């Protein structure tokens, strides 16, 4: 009768199957990885800076409560890469329901940016925005364009 076979490999045999890296190769690897990611205290990847595609970055990082500067930076990059797809992503930002993010404040900030940088695009598509959000978005857009982006916050403080 043959001796029993251990189903778990011993530490010496499992270490033999691991690739061997020299210290300088690992340093180069981690330096390149660090350029792409942010790390926690124990060097676990926390968040990728960029996917490499500005439209994907806008889709994933433009969320409710995203700071205005970050949202504008993401929007500029996506618009420079592909304006039509970015316009669709703007509608998805406001879209109410399962397929959208329902981010009205972020949407108003993006519309304000459109007004400043591409007013004809805004004028030609403003009717479509009501299809993705609410009809009340149209007077709100007009109010913020006339009174300023932060006018609603200012008027709420006075009450």
Protein backbone atom coordinates (compact mmCIF):
# COMPACT_ATOMS: atom_id res chain seq x y z
CA UNK A 1 0.00 0.00 0.00
CA UNK A 2 1.48 3.40 -0.99
CA UNK A 3 1.98 6.08 1.67
CA UNK A 4 -0.87 8.61 2.01
CA UNK A 5 -0.58 11.72 -0.15
CA UNK A 6 -0.87 15.07 1.59
CA UNK A 7 -3.39 17.16 -0.45
CA UNK A 8 -1.94 20.42 0.82
CA UNK A 9 1.50 21.30 -0.48
CA UNK A 10 4.19 21.89 2.05
CA UNK A 11 5.55 25.41 2.44
CA UNK A 12 8.77 24.50 0.68
CA UNK A 13 7.00 23.19 -2.43
CA UNK A 14 4.51 26.08 -2.61
CA UNK A 15 7.33 28.62 -2.38
CA UNK A 16 9.09 26.98 -5.29
CA UNK A 17 6.17 27.82 -7.58
CA UNK A 18 6.11 31.52 -6.78
CA UNK A 19 7.85 33.84 -9.24
CA UNK A 20 11.09 35.25 -7.96
CA UNK A 21 11.54 39.03 -8.19
CA UNK A 22 14.70 40.88 -7.44
CA UNK A 23 14.36 43.86 -5.11
CA UNK A 24 15.07 46.39 -7.86
CA UNK A 25 12.35 44.82 -10.09
CA UNK A 26 9.83 45.06 -7.25
CA UNK A 27 10.77 48.69 -6.60
CA UNK A 28 10.16 49.56 -10.27
CA UNK A 29 6.87 47.65 -10.21
CA UNK A 30 5.61 49.44 -7.09
CA UNK A 31 6.72 52.84 -8.37
CA UNK A 32 4.71 52.32 -11.56
CA UNK A 33 1.72 51.02 -9.60
CA UNK A 34 1.90 53.97 -7.22
CA UNK A 35 1.58 56.38 -10.15
CA UNK A 36 -1.82 54.88 -10.98
CA UNK A 37 -3.26 54.33 -7.53
CA UNK A 38 -3.61 55.87 -4.13
CA UNK A 39 -2.56 53.66 -1.25
CA UNK A 40 -3.73 53.12 2.30
CA UNK A 41 -1.26 53.04 5.19
CA UNK A 42 -0.47 49.36 4.57
CA UNK A 43 0.09 49.91 0.82
CA UNK A 44 -3.25 48.44 -0.23
CA UNK A 45 -4.65 50.04 -3.40
CA UNK A 46 -7.38 52.43 -2.35
CA UNK A 47 -8.48 54.27 -5.46
CA UNK A 48 -7.26 54.63 -9.02
CA UNK A 49 -6.59 58.22 -10.07
CA UNK A 50 -7.80 57.65 -13.61
CA UNK A 51 -9.02 54.90 -15.86
CA UNK A 52 -7.14 56.45 -18.76
CA UNK A 53 -10.42 57.42 -20.46
CA UNK A 54 -11.83 60.84 -19.47
CA UNK A 55 -15.41 59.76 -20.26
CA UNK A 56 -15.12 56.76 -17.95
CA UNK A 57 -13.66 58.99 -15.25
CA UNK A 58 -16.61 61.39 -15.57
CA UNK A 59 -19.05 58.48 -15.43
CA UNK A 60 -17.51 56.89 -12.33
CA UNK A 61 -16.33 59.93 -10.35
CA UNK A 62 -19.16 62.42 -11.04
CA UNK A 63 -21.39 61.49 -8.13
CA UNK A 64 -23.67 63.40 -5.79
CA UNK A 65 -21.61 65.67 -3.51
CA UNK A 66 -18.59 65.64 -5.81
CA UNK A 67 -16.76 68.94 -5.22
CA UNK A 68 -17.38 71.54 -7.92
CA UNK A 69 -13.70 71.80 -8.89
CA UNK A 70 -13.44 68.04 -9.36
CA UNK A 71 -16.66 67.91 -11.36
CA UNK A 72 -15.48 70.73 -13.63
CA UNK A 73 -12.11 69.05 -14.17
CA UNK A 74 -13.78 65.74 -15.05
CA UNK A 75 -16.22 67.51 -17.36
CA UNK A 76 -13.50 69.42 -19.22
CA UNK A 77 -11.54 66.25 -19.84
CA UNK A 78 -14.55 64.26 -21.01
CA UNK A 79 -15.78 67.10 -23.26
CA UNK A 80 -12.37 67.45 -24.91
CA UNK A 81 -12.32 63.71 -25.54
CA UNK A 82 -15.86 63.29 -26.94
CA UNK A 83 -18.54 66.02 -26.63
CA UNK A 84 -21.49 63.90 -27.77
CA UNK A 85 -20.89 61.11 -25.28
CA UNK A 86 -20.25 63.69 -22.57
CA UNK A 87 -23.62 65.28 -23.30
CA UNK A 88 -25.23 61.86 -22.86
CA UNK A 89 -23.36 61.42 -19.57
CA UNK A 90 -24.64 64.83 -18.43
CA UNK A 91 -28.19 63.62 -19.03
CA UNK A 92 -27.41 60.42 -17.13
CA UNK A 93 -26.15 62.54 -14.23
CA UNK A 94 -29.64 64.06 -13.82
CA UNK A 95 -31.69 61.09 -14.97
CA UNK A 96 -34.21 60.08 -12.34
CA UNK A 97 -34.79 56.37 -11.77
CA UNK A 98 -32.79 53.20 -12.05
CA UNK A 99 -30.54 54.21 -14.95
CA UNK A 100 -29.44 57.57 -13.57
CA UNK A 101 -27.65 59.18 -10.66
CA UNK A 102 -30.38 61.72 -9.76
CA UNK A 103 -27.72 64.30 -8.95
CA UNK A 104 -29.58 67.58 -9.42
CA UNK A 105 -26.93 69.87 -7.87
CA UNK A 106 -24.13 68.32 -9.94
CA UNK A 107 -26.36 68.54 -13.00
CA UNK A 108 -27.01 72.25 -12.41
CA UNK A 109 -23.28 72.87 -12.02
CA UNK A 110 -22.61 71.06 -15.30
CA UNK A 111 -25.37 73.01 -17.08
CA UNK A 112 -23.86 76.25 -15.76
CA UNK A 113 -20.50 75.15 -17.20
CA UNK A 114 -22.22 74.36 -20.52
CA UNK A 115 -23.76 77.84 -20.54
CA UNK A 116 -20.36 79.45 -19.99
CA UNK A 117 -18.43 77.29 -22.47
CA UNK A 118 -20.91 75.97 -25.05
CA UNK A 119 -24.09 78.09 -24.92
CA UNK A 120 -25.42 76.90 -28.30
CA UNK A 121 -25.16 73.28 -27.21
CA UNK A 122 -27.12 74.12 -24.06
CA UNK A 123 -29.76 76.04 -26.02
CA UNK A 124 -30.25 73.22 -28.51
CA UNK A 125 -30.55 70.55 -25.80
CA UNK A 126 -32.30 72.26 -22.90
CA UNK A 127 -35.66 70.73 -23.88
CA UNK A 128 -34.17 67.26 -23.68
CA UNK A 129 -33.02 67.82 -20.11
CA UNK A 130 -36.63 67.79 -18.91
CA UNK A 131 -36.97 64.26 -20.29
CA UNK A 132 -34.20 62.99 -18.05
CA UNK A 133 -35.10 64.87 -14.90
CA UNK A 134 -38.19 66.88 -14.07
CA UNK A 135 -40.01 69.66 -15.86
CA UNK A 136 -39.17 71.89 -12.90
CA UNK A 137 -35.50 71.64 -13.89
CA UNK A 138 -36.08 74.09 -16.75
CA UNK A 139 -37.12 77.07 -14.58
CA UNK A 140 -34.42 76.12 -12.06
CA UNK A 141 -31.79 76.22 -14.81
CA UNK A 142 -33.05 79.62 -15.95
CA UNK A 143 -33.08 80.93 -12.36
CA UNK A 144 -29.49 79.83 -11.73
CA UNK A 145 -28.28 81.19 -15.05
CA UNK A 146 -29.79 84.60 -14.26
CA UNK A 147 -29.07 84.80 -10.52
CA UNK A 148 -25.85 82.74 -10.32
CA UNK A 149 -25.02 79.14 -9.58
CA UNK A 150 -25.13 79.57 -5.80
CA UNK A 151 -28.24 81.77 -5.81
CA UNK A 152 -30.46 78.98 -4.49
CA UNK A 153 -28.15 78.35 -1.54
CA UNK A 154 -28.07 82.09 -0.80
CA UNK A 155 -31.86 82.40 -1.00
CA UNK A 156 -32.33 79.42 1.34
CA UNK A 157 -30.06 81.04 3.95
CA UNK A 158 -32.19 84.17 4.01
CA UNK A 159 -35.33 82.16 4.83
